[in-house]
PDB file of N, CA and C in Angstrom:
ATOM      1  N   MET A   1     -67.769   0.588  43.033  1.00  0.00           N
ATOM      2  CA  MET A   1     -66.790   1.546  42.578  1.00  0.00           C
ATOM      3  C   MET A   1     -66.407   2.448  43.739  1.00  0.00           C
ATOM      4  N   CYS A   2     -65.135   2.693  43.896  1.00  0.00           N
ATOM      5  CA  CYS A   2     -64.618   3.530  44.970  1.00  0.00           C
ATOM      6  C   CYS A   2     -63.919   4.751  44.360  1.00  0.00           C
ATOM      7  N   ILE A   3     -64.326   5.925  44.804  1.00  0.00           N
ATOM      8  CA  ILE A   3     -63.764   7.172  44.293  1.00  0.00           C
ATOM      9  C   ILE A   3     -63.217   7.979  45.462  1.00  0.00           C
ATOM     10  N   ALA A   4     -62.055   8.577  45.267  1.00  0.00           N
ATOM     11  CA  ALA A   4     -61.474   9.463  46.276  1.00  0.00           C
ATOM     12  C   ALA A   4     -61.793  10.906  45.910  1.00  0.00           C
ATOM     13  N   LEU A   5     -62.261  11.652  46.876  1.00  0.00           N
ATOM     14  CA  LEU A   5     -62.493  13.085  46.706  1.00  0.00           C
ATOM     15  C   LEU A   5     -61.408  13.815  47.485  1.00  0.00           C
ATOM     16  N   ILE A   6     -60.584  14.554  46.762  1.00  0.00           N
ATOM     17  CA  ILE A   6     -59.496  15.306  47.365  1.00  0.00           C
ATOM     18  C   ILE A   6     -59.920  16.775  47.383  1.00  0.00           C
ATOM     19  N   GLY A   7     -59.956  17.361  48.568  1.00  0.00           N
ATOM     20  CA  GLY A   7     -60.379  18.751  48.688  1.00  0.00           C
ATOM     21  C   GLY A   7     -61.844  18.832  49.078  1.00  0.00           C
ATOM     22  N   GLY A   8     -62.432  19.974  48.863  1.00  0.00           N
ATOM     23  CA  GLY A   8     -63.827  20.159  49.241  1.00  0.00           C
ATOM     24  C   GLY A   8     -63.935  20.834  50.593  1.00  0.00           C
ATOM     25  N   MET A   9     -65.164  21.066  51.002  1.00  0.00           N
ATOM     26  CA  MET A   9     -65.414  21.772  52.256  1.00  0.00           C
ATOM     27  C   MET A   9     -65.825  20.782  53.334  1.00  0.00           C
ATOM     28  N   GLU A  10     -65.234  20.948  54.489  1.00  0.00           N
ATOM     29  CA  GLU A  10     -65.506  20.039  55.604  1.00  0.00           C
ATOM     30  C   GLU A  10     -66.988  19.998  55.963  1.00  0.00           C
ATOM     31  N   ARG A  11     -67.648  21.147  55.950  1.00  0.00           N
ATOM     32  CA  ARG A  11     -69.053  21.201  56.332  1.00  0.00           C
ATOM     33  C   ARG A  11     -69.970  20.497  55.338  1.00  0.00           C
ATOM     34  N   LEU A  12     -69.477  20.226  54.120  1.00  0.00           N
ATOM     35  CA  LEU A  12     -70.282  19.535  53.112  1.00  0.00           C
ATOM     36  C   LEU A  12     -69.971  18.045  53.013  1.00  0.00           C
ATOM     37  N   GLU A  13     -69.091  17.545  53.858  1.00  0.00           N
ATOM     38  CA  GLU A  13     -68.660  16.148  53.748  1.00  0.00           C
ATOM     39  C   GLU A  13     -69.842  15.177  53.786  1.00  0.00           C
ATOM     40  N   ARG A  14     -70.780  15.379  54.697  1.00  0.00           N
ATOM     41  CA  ARG A  14     -71.947  14.491  54.793  1.00  0.00           C
ATOM     42  C   ARG A  14     -72.780  14.551  53.509  1.00  0.00           C
ATOM     43  N   HIS A  15     -72.909  15.741  52.931  1.00  0.00           N
ATOM     44  CA  HIS A  15     -73.664  15.894  51.683  1.00  0.00           C
ATOM     45  C   HIS A  15     -72.947  15.203  50.524  1.00  0.00           C
ATOM     46  N   TYR A  16     -71.615  15.284  50.514  1.00  0.00           N
ATOM     47  CA  TYR A  16     -70.832  14.588  49.489  1.00  0.00           C
ATOM     48  C   TYR A  16     -71.073  13.080  49.564  1.00  0.00           C
ATOM     49  N   THR A  17     -70.991  12.522  50.768  1.00  0.00           N
ATOM     50  CA  THR A  17     -71.159  11.074  50.904  1.00  0.00           C
ATOM     51  C   THR A  17     -72.596  10.646  50.596  1.00  0.00           C
ATOM     52  N   ASP A  18     -73.578  11.466  50.954  1.00  0.00           N
ATOM     53  CA  ASP A  18     -74.970  11.154  50.618  1.00  0.00           C
ATOM     54  C   ASP A  18     -75.177  11.115  49.109  1.00  0.00           C
ATOM     55  N   ALA A  19     -74.624  12.108  48.404  1.00  0.00           N
ATOM     56  CA  ALA A  19     -74.754  12.148  46.942  1.00  0.00           C
ATOM     57  C   ALA A  19     -74.075  10.940  46.302  1.00  0.00           C
ATOM     58  N   ALA A  20     -72.940  10.545  46.839  1.00  0.00           N
ATOM     59  CA  ALA A  20     -72.223   9.384  46.312  1.00  0.00           C
ATOM     60  C   ALA A  20     -73.010   8.096  46.552  1.00  0.00           C
ATOM     61  N   GLU A  21     -73.594   7.964  47.732  1.00  0.00           N
ATOM     62  CA  GLU A  21     -74.400   6.773  48.026  1.00  0.00           C
ATOM     63  C   GLU A  21     -75.572   6.660  47.065  1.00  0.00           C
ATOM     64  N   ARG A  22     -76.223   7.804  46.767  1.00  0.00           N
ATOM     65  CA  ARG A  22     -77.338   7.780  45.823  1.00  0.00           C
ATOM     66  C   ARG A  22     -76.887   7.353  44.431  1.00  0.00           C
ATOM     67  N   ALA A  23     -75.630   7.654  44.096  1.00  0.00           N
ATOM     68  CA  ALA A  23     -75.088   7.283  42.783  1.00  0.00           C
ATOM     69  C   ALA A  23     -74.493   5.873  42.795  1.00  0.00           C
ATOM     70  N   GLY A  24     -74.532   5.207  43.955  1.00  0.00           N
ATOM     71  CA  GLY A  24     -73.988   3.864  44.049  1.00  0.00           C
ATOM     72  C   GLY A  24     -72.472   3.818  44.095  1.00  0.00           C
ATOM     73  N   VAL A  25     -71.873   4.865  44.652  1.00  0.00           N
ATOM     74  CA  VAL A  25     -70.413   4.994  44.691  1.00  0.00           C
ATOM     75  C   VAL A  25     -69.946   5.043  46.144  1.00  0.00           C
ATOM     76  N   ASP A  26     -68.868   4.334  46.428  1.00  0.00           N
ATOM     77  CA  ASP A  26     -68.213   4.422  47.733  1.00  0.00           C
ATOM     78  C   ASP A  26     -67.233   5.590  47.648  1.00  0.00           C
ATOM     79  N   LEU A  27     -67.459   6.625  48.441  1.00  0.00           N
ATOM     80  CA  LEU A  27     -66.652   7.846  48.369  1.00  0.00           C
ATOM     81  C   LEU A  27     -65.752   7.954  49.583  1.00  0.00           C
ATOM     82  N   ARG A  28     -64.461   8.168  49.343  1.00  0.00           N
ATOM     83  CA  ARG A  28     -63.497   8.450  50.411  1.00  0.00           C
ATOM     84  C   ARG A  28     -63.158   9.931  50.320  1.00  0.00           C
ATOM     85  N   VAL A  29     -63.465  10.667  51.357  1.00  0.00           N
ATOM     86  CA  VAL A  29     -63.280  12.121  51.347  1.00  0.00           C
ATOM     87  C   VAL A  29     -62.009  12.485  52.109  1.00  0.00           C
ATOM     88  N   PHE A  30     -61.151  13.273  51.451  1.00  0.00           N
ATOM     89  CA  PHE A  30     -59.919  13.784  52.051  1.00  0.00           C
ATOM     90  C   PHE A  30     -59.943  15.303  51.920  1.00  0.00           C
ATOM     91  N   ASN A  31     -60.553  15.980  52.903  1.00  0.00           N
ATOM     92  CA  ASN A  31     -60.656  17.437  52.811  1.00  0.00           C
ATOM     93  C   ASN A  31     -59.765  18.140  53.826  1.00  0.00           C
ATOM     94  N   ARG A  32     -58.929  17.393  54.518  1.00  0.00           N
ATOM     95  CA  ARG A  32     -57.944  17.962  55.430  1.00  0.00           C
ATOM     96  C   ARG A  32     -56.572  17.448  55.017  1.00  0.00           C
ATOM     97  N   SER A  33     -55.548  18.045  55.542  1.00  0.00           N
ATOM     98  CA  SER A  33     -54.208  17.545  55.268  1.00  0.00           C
ATOM     99  C   SER A  33     -54.088  16.132  55.824  1.00  0.00           C
ATOM    100  N   GLU A  34     -53.617  15.244  55.008  1.00  0.00           N
ATOM    101  CA  GLU A  34     -53.487  13.845  55.391  1.00  0.00           C
ATOM    102  C   GLU A  34     -52.018  13.447  55.326  1.00  0.00           C
ATOM    103  N   VAL A  35     -51.589  12.685  56.301  1.00  0.00           N
ATOM    104  CA  VAL A  35     -50.241  12.142  56.272  1.00  0.00           C
ATOM    105  C   VAL A  35     -50.236  10.959  55.320  1.00  0.00           C
ATOM    106  N   ASN A  36     -49.299  10.958  54.379  1.00  0.00           N
ATOM    107  CA  ASN A  36     -49.150   9.862  53.422  1.00  0.00           C
ATOM    108  C   ASN A  36     -50.442   9.567  52.664  1.00  0.00           C
ATOM    109  N   ILE A  37     -51.009  10.590  52.071  1.00  0.00           N
ATOM    110  CA  ILE A  37     -52.273  10.434  51.340  1.00  0.00           C
ATOM    111  C   ILE A  37     -52.133   9.463  50.166  1.00  0.00           C
ATOM    112  N   GLY A  38     -50.941   9.371  49.622  1.00  0.00           N
ATOM    113  CA  GLY A  38     -50.720   8.482  48.481  1.00  0.00           C
ATOM    114  C   GLY A  38     -51.092   7.042  48.768  1.00  0.00           C
ATOM    115  N   SER A  39     -50.733   6.547  49.925  1.00  0.00           N
ATOM    116  CA  SER A  39     -51.052   5.152  50.263  1.00  0.00           C
ATOM    117  C   SER A  39     -52.545   4.960  50.515  1.00  0.00           C
ATOM    118  N   LYS A  40     -53.240   6.017  50.899  1.00  0.00           N
ATOM    119  CA  LYS A  40     -54.666   5.921  51.191  1.00  0.00           C
ATOM    120  C   LYS A  40     -55.529   5.956  49.924  1.00  0.00           C
ATOM    121  N   ILE A  41     -54.978   6.482  48.831  1.00  0.00           N
ATOM    122  CA  ILE A  41     -55.765   6.575  47.599  1.00  0.00           C
ATOM    123  C   ILE A  41     -55.278   5.601  46.535  1.00  0.00           C
ATOM    124  N   ARG A  42     -54.343   4.779  46.880  1.00  0.00           N
ATOM    125  CA  ARG A  42     -53.711   3.875  45.913  1.00  0.00           C
ATOM    126  C   ARG A  42     -54.700   2.911  45.250  1.00  0.00           C
ATOM    127  N   ASN A  43     -55.730   2.466  45.954  1.00  0.00           N
ATOM    128  CA  ASN A  43     -56.617   1.427  45.449  1.00  0.00           C
ATOM    129  C   ASN A  43     -57.984   1.924  44.996  1.00  0.00           C
ATOM    130  N   VAL A  44     -58.124   3.215  44.738  1.00  0.00           N
ATOM    131  CA  VAL A  44     -59.415   3.730  44.275  1.00  0.00           C
ATOM    132  C   VAL A  44     -59.549   3.540  42.768  1.00  0.00           C
ATOM    133  N   ASP A  45     -60.801   3.582  42.284  1.00  0.00           N
ATOM    134  CA  ASP A  45     -61.069   3.414  40.856  1.00  0.00           C
ATOM    135  C   ASP A  45     -60.910   4.722  40.077  1.00  0.00           C
ATOM    136  N   ALA A  46     -61.147   5.848  40.766  1.00  0.00           N
ATOM    137  CA  ALA A  46     -61.016   7.166  40.139  1.00  0.00           C
ATOM    138  C   ALA A  46     -60.827   8.197  41.245  1.00  0.00           C
ATOM    139  N   MET A  47     -60.434   9.399  40.827  1.00  0.00           N
ATOM    140  CA  MET A  47     -60.160  10.463  41.783  1.00  0.00           C
ATOM    141  C   MET A  47     -60.776  11.764  41.281  1.00  0.00           C
ATOM    142  N   VAL A  48     -61.429  12.481  42.204  1.00  0.00           N
ATOM    143  CA  VAL A  48     -61.960  13.811  41.918  1.00  0.00           C
ATOM    144  C   VAL A  48     -61.194  14.787  42.795  1.00  0.00           C
ATOM    145  N   ILE A  49     -60.646  15.838  42.190  1.00  0.00           N
ATOM    146  CA  ILE A  49     -59.912  16.848  42.946  1.00  0.00           C
ATOM    147  C   ILE A  49     -60.624  18.189  42.790  1.00  0.00           C
ATOM    148  N   PHE A  50     -61.033  18.778  43.919  1.00  0.00           N
ATOM    149  CA  PHE A  50     -61.597  20.123  43.926  1.00  0.00           C
ATOM    150  C   PHE A  50     -60.423  21.077  44.138  1.00  0.00           C
ATOM    151  N   THR A  51     -59.952  21.692  43.059  1.00  0.00           N
ATOM    152  CA  THR A  51     -58.691  22.427  43.078  1.00  0.00           C
ATOM    153  C   THR A  51     -58.714  23.709  43.903  1.00  0.00           C
ATOM    154  N   ASN A  52     -59.891  24.269  44.176  1.00  0.00           N
ATOM    155  CA  ASN A  52     -59.893  25.513  44.947  1.00  0.00           C
ATOM    156  C   ASN A  52     -59.812  25.264  46.449  1.00  0.00           C
ATOM    157  N   LYS A  53     -59.924  24.028  46.881  1.00  0.00           N
ATOM    158  CA  LYS A  53     -59.892  23.722  48.314  1.00  0.00           C
ATOM    159  C   LYS A  53     -58.864  22.655  48.654  1.00  0.00           C
ATOM    160  N   VAL A  54     -57.728  22.681  47.965  1.00  0.00           N
ATOM    161  CA  VAL A  54     -56.678  21.705  48.240  1.00  0.00           C
ATOM    162  C   VAL A  54     -55.322  22.383  48.055  1.00  0.00           C
ATOM    163  N   SER A  55     -54.359  22.006  48.870  1.00  0.00           N
ATOM    164  CA  SER A  55     -53.030  22.605  48.750  1.00  0.00           C
ATOM    165  C   SER A  55     -52.312  22.047  47.527  1.00  0.00           C
ATOM    166  N   HIS A  56     -51.351  22.781  47.056  1.00  0.00           N
ATOM    167  CA  HIS A  56     -50.564  22.336  45.904  1.00  0.00           C
ATOM    168  C   HIS A  56     -49.816  21.044  46.228  1.00  0.00           C
ATOM    169  N   GLN A  57     -49.338  20.935  47.446  1.00  0.00           N
ATOM    170  CA  GLN A  57     -48.591  19.744  47.851  1.00  0.00           C
ATOM    171  C   GLN A  57     -49.473  18.497  47.829  1.00  0.00           C
ATOM    172  N   VAL A  58     -50.679  18.585  48.369  1.00  0.00           N
ATOM    173  CA  VAL A  58     -51.588  17.440  48.387  1.00  0.00           C
ATOM    174  C   VAL A  58     -52.006  17.081  46.966  1.00  0.00           C
ATOM    175  N   LYS A  59     -52.281  18.085  46.159  1.00  0.00           N
ATOM    176  CA  LYS A  59     -52.658  17.836  44.762  1.00  0.00           C
ATOM    177  C   LYS A  59     -51.519  17.130  44.027  1.00  0.00           C
ATOM    178  N   ALA A  60     -50.298  17.604  44.230  1.00  0.00           N
ATOM    179  CA  ALA A  60     -49.147  16.996  43.556  1.00  0.00           C
ATOM    180  C   ALA A  60     -48.951  15.545  43.988  1.00  0.00           C
ATOM    181  N   GLU A  61     -49.107  15.273  45.284  1.00  0.00           N
ATOM    182  CA  GLU A  61     -48.958  13.906  45.778  1.00  0.00           C
ATOM    183  C   GLU A  61     -50.054  12.999  45.227  1.00  0.00           C
ATOM    184  N   ALA A  62     -51.286  13.515  45.169  1.00  0.00           N
ATOM    185  CA  ALA A  62     -52.400  12.738  44.626  1.00  0.00           C
ATOM    186  C   ALA A  62     -52.189  12.453  43.136  1.00  0.00           C
ATOM    187  N   MET A  63     -51.733  13.458  42.400  1.00  0.00           N
ATOM    188  CA  MET A  63     -51.495  13.273  40.969  1.00  0.00           C
ATOM    189  C   MET A  63     -50.372  12.268  40.724  1.00  0.00           C
ATOM    190  N   LYS A  64     -49.341  12.307  41.539  1.00  0.00           N
ATOM    191  CA  LYS A  64     -48.233  11.358  41.412  1.00  0.00           C
ATOM    192  C   LYS A  64     -48.733   9.925  41.617  1.00  0.00           C
ATOM    193  N   GLU A  65     -49.552   9.735  42.642  1.00  0.00           N
ATOM    194  CA  GLU A  65     -50.099   8.408  42.929  1.00  0.00           C
ATOM    195  C   GLU A  65     -51.040   7.955  41.820  1.00  0.00           C
ATOM    196  N   ALA A  66     -51.838   8.885  41.301  1.00  0.00           N
ATOM    197  CA  ALA A  66     -52.763   8.548  40.213  1.00  0.00           C
ATOM    198  C   ALA A  66     -52.004   8.111  38.965  1.00  0.00           C
ATOM    199  N   LYS A  67     -50.953   8.837  38.646  1.00  0.00           N
ATOM    200  CA  LYS A  67     -50.161   8.496  37.461  1.00  0.00           C
ATOM    201  C   LYS A  67     -49.470   7.142  37.626  1.00  0.00           C
ATOM    202  N   ALA A  68     -48.929   6.891  38.811  1.00  0.00           N
ATOM    203  CA  ALA A  68     -48.217   5.634  39.066  1.00  0.00           C
ATOM    204  C   ALA A  68     -49.144   4.422  39.028  1.00  0.00           C
ATOM    205  N   ASN A  69     -50.423   4.621  39.390  1.00  0.00           N
ATOM    206  CA  ASN A  69     -51.370   3.506  39.462  1.00  0.00           C
ATOM    207  C   ASN A  69     -52.444   3.551  38.384  1.00  0.00           C
ATOM    208  N   ASP A  70     -52.256   4.415  37.393  1.00  0.00           N
ATOM    209  CA  ASP A  70     -53.192   4.512  36.263  1.00  0.00           C
ATOM    210  C   ASP A  70     -54.631   4.783  36.717  1.00  0.00           C
ATOM    211  N   ILE A  71     -54.789   5.745  37.631  1.00  0.00           N
ATOM    212  CA  ILE A  71     -56.093   6.119  38.165  1.00  0.00           C
ATOM    213  C   ILE A  71     -56.590   7.346  37.405  1.00  0.00           C
ATOM    214  N   PRO A  72     -57.797   7.298  36.828  1.00  0.00           N
ATOM    215  CA  PRO A  72     -58.329   8.489  36.156  1.00  0.00           C
ATOM    216  C   PRO A  72     -58.592   9.618  37.163  1.00  0.00           C
ATOM    217  N   VAL A  73     -58.262  10.842  36.758  1.00  0.00           N
ATOM    218  CA  VAL A  73     -58.419  12.010  37.626  1.00  0.00           C
ATOM    219  C   VAL A  73     -59.342  13.020  36.955  1.00  0.00           C
ATOM    220  N   PHE A  74     -60.289  13.536  37.732  1.00  0.00           N
ATOM    221  CA  PHE A  74     -61.215  14.566  37.264  1.00  0.00           C
ATOM    222  C   PHE A  74     -61.038  15.761  38.174  1.00  0.00           C
ATOM    223  N   MET A  75     -60.631  16.908  37.603  1.00  0.00           N
ATOM    224  CA  MET A  75     -60.381  18.107  38.400  1.00  0.00           C
ATOM    225  C   MET A  75     -61.422  19.177  38.095  1.00  0.00           C
ATOM    226  N   HIS A  76     -61.887  19.811  39.171  1.00  0.00           N
ATOM    227  CA  HIS A  76     -62.846  20.909  39.049  1.00  0.00           C
ATOM    228  C   HIS A  76     -62.489  21.980  40.053  1.00  0.00           C
ATOM    229  N   HIS A  77     -62.740  23.226  39.680  1.00  0.00           N
ATOM    230  CA  HIS A  77     -62.427  24.340  40.572  1.00  0.00           C
ATOM    231  C   HIS A  77     -63.510  24.497  41.641  1.00  0.00           C
ATOM    232  N   ALA A  78     -64.768  24.344  41.253  1.00  0.00           N
ATOM    233  CA  ALA A  78     -65.869  24.482  42.209  1.00  0.00           C
ATOM    234  C   ALA A  78     -65.909  23.272  43.131  1.00  0.00           C
ATOM    235  N   CYS A  79     -66.484  23.457  44.318  1.00  0.00           N
ATOM    236  CA  CYS A  79     -66.479  22.341  45.281  1.00  0.00           C
ATOM    237  C   CYS A  79     -67.856  22.080  45.869  1.00  0.00           C
ATOM    238  N   GLY A  80     -68.911  22.419  45.145  1.00  0.00           N
ATOM    239  CA  GLY A  80     -70.260  22.199  45.647  1.00  0.00           C
ATOM    240  C   GLY A  80     -70.738  20.770  45.428  1.00  0.00           C
ATOM    241  N   VAL A  81     -71.856  20.459  46.045  1.00  0.00           N
ATOM    242  CA  VAL A  81     -72.436  19.126  45.926  1.00  0.00           C
ATOM    243  C   VAL A  81     -72.893  18.868  44.497  1.00  0.00           C
ATOM    244  N   CYS A  82     -73.444  19.873  43.829  1.00  0.00           N
ATOM    245  CA  CYS A  82     -73.863  19.714  42.431  1.00  0.00           C
ATOM    246  C   CYS A  82     -72.670  19.375  41.537  1.00  0.00           C
ATOM    247  N   THR A  83     -71.546  20.009  41.793  1.00  0.00           N
ATOM    248  CA  THR A  83     -70.335  19.713  41.028  1.00  0.00           C
ATOM    249  C   THR A  83     -69.914  18.267  41.248  1.00  0.00           C
ATOM    250  N   LEU A  84     -69.984  17.802  42.485  1.00  0.00           N
ATOM    251  CA  LEU A  84     -69.636  16.409  42.774  1.00  0.00           C
ATOM    252  C   LEU A  84     -70.582  15.462  42.051  1.00  0.00           C
ATOM    253  N   ARG A  85     -71.881  15.749  42.067  1.00  0.00           N
ATOM    254  CA  ARG A  85     -72.841  14.884  41.357  1.00  0.00           C
ATOM    255  C   ARG A  85     -72.487  14.786  39.878  1.00  0.00           C
ATOM    256  N   GLU A  86     -72.175  15.932  39.261  1.00  0.00           N
ATOM    257  CA  GLU A  86     -71.779  15.926  37.850  1.00  0.00           C
ATOM    258  C   GLU A  86     -70.513  15.099  37.642  1.00  0.00           C
ATOM    259  N   CYS A  87     -69.556  15.240  38.550  1.00  0.00           N
ATOM    260  CA  CYS A  87     -68.308  14.469  38.471  1.00  0.00           C
ATOM    261  C   CYS A  87     -68.578  12.975  38.582  1.00  0.00           C
ATOM    262  N   LEU A  88     -69.420  12.598  39.528  1.00  0.00           N
ATOM    263  CA  LEU A  88     -69.719  11.174  39.713  1.00  0.00           C
ATOM    264  C   LEU A  88     -70.376  10.597  38.461  1.00  0.00           C
ATOM    265  N   ASN A  89     -71.299  11.350  37.879  1.00  0.00           N
ATOM    266  CA  ASN A  89     -71.931  10.892  36.629  1.00  0.00           C
ATOM    267  C   ASN A  89     -70.901  10.742  35.526  1.00  0.00           C
ATOM    268  N   CYS A  90     -70.006  11.694  35.432  1.00  0.00           N
ATOM    269  CA  CYS A  90     -68.958  11.660  34.414  1.00  0.00           C
ATOM    270  C   CYS A  90     -68.008  10.492  34.642  1.00  0.00           C
ATOM    271  N   VAL A  91     -67.616  10.270  35.896  1.00  0.00           N
ATOM    272  CA  VAL A  91     -66.710   9.170  36.216  1.00  0.00           C
ATOM    273  C   VAL A  91     -67.338   7.847  35.837  1.00  0.00           C
ATOM    274  N   VAL A  92     -68.587   7.654  36.204  1.00  0.00           N
ATOM    275  CA  VAL A  92     -69.284   6.400  35.898  1.00  0.00           C
ATOM    276  C   VAL A  92     -69.377   6.215  34.384  1.00  0.00           C
ATOM    277  N   ARG A  93     -69.723   7.283  33.682  1.00  0.00           N
ATOM    278  CA  ARG A  93     -69.846   7.230  32.222  1.00  0.00           C
ATOM    279  C   ARG A  93     -68.486   6.981  31.542  1.00  0.00           C
ATOM    280  N   CYS A  94     -67.470   7.720  31.976  1.00  0.00           N
ATOM    281  CA  CYS A  94     -66.158   7.664  31.322  1.00  0.00           C
ATOM    282  C   CYS A  94     -65.386   6.387  31.629  1.00  0.00           C
ATOM    283  N   THR A  95     -65.570   5.843  32.829  1.00  0.00           N
ATOM    284  CA  THR A  95     -64.822   4.654  33.191  1.00  0.00           C
ATOM    285  C   THR A  95     -65.579   3.369  32.856  1.00  0.00           C
ATOM    286  N   GLY A  96     -66.867   3.510  32.561  1.00  0.00           N
ATOM    287  CA  GLY A  96     -67.668   2.345  32.202  1.00  0.00           C
ATOM    288  C   GLY A  96     -67.942   1.412  33.365  1.00  0.00           C
ATOM    289  N   MET A  97     -67.874   1.911  34.585  1.00  0.00           N
ATOM    290  CA  MET A  97     -68.094   1.048  35.757  1.00  0.00           C
ATOM    291  C   MET A  97     -69.490   1.218  36.288  1.00  0.00           C
TER     292      MET A  97
END
C-alpha cells in the first residue's frame, strides 16, 4: 500500500517514514512546495493531509487529483508522528488493504 503525506514538518520526515515502515506502508512525503504535485500523487492508494502545515494551493491541487482518481483523503490539523500513526491505522482499516 502506498500513501502520500501532504504537509507535515521537514524535521519529522524520517520519523514519518519509520512509522509507516513499521505499519507496512510505503509513504511518499511531500512537505515542501512541489512542482506539479498532482502527477506525483496520482497513483497512491490513499492520501493524508496535515492541514496546518500545507498551503491552500497545494491542498487544493491534491484534493483535485484525489477526486479525479477516486483516492481516499484523510485530513488532520495536527502533524505529529502519533497523528500519522493513527491515520495509517485508520487508512488500513477503512480501505481494507
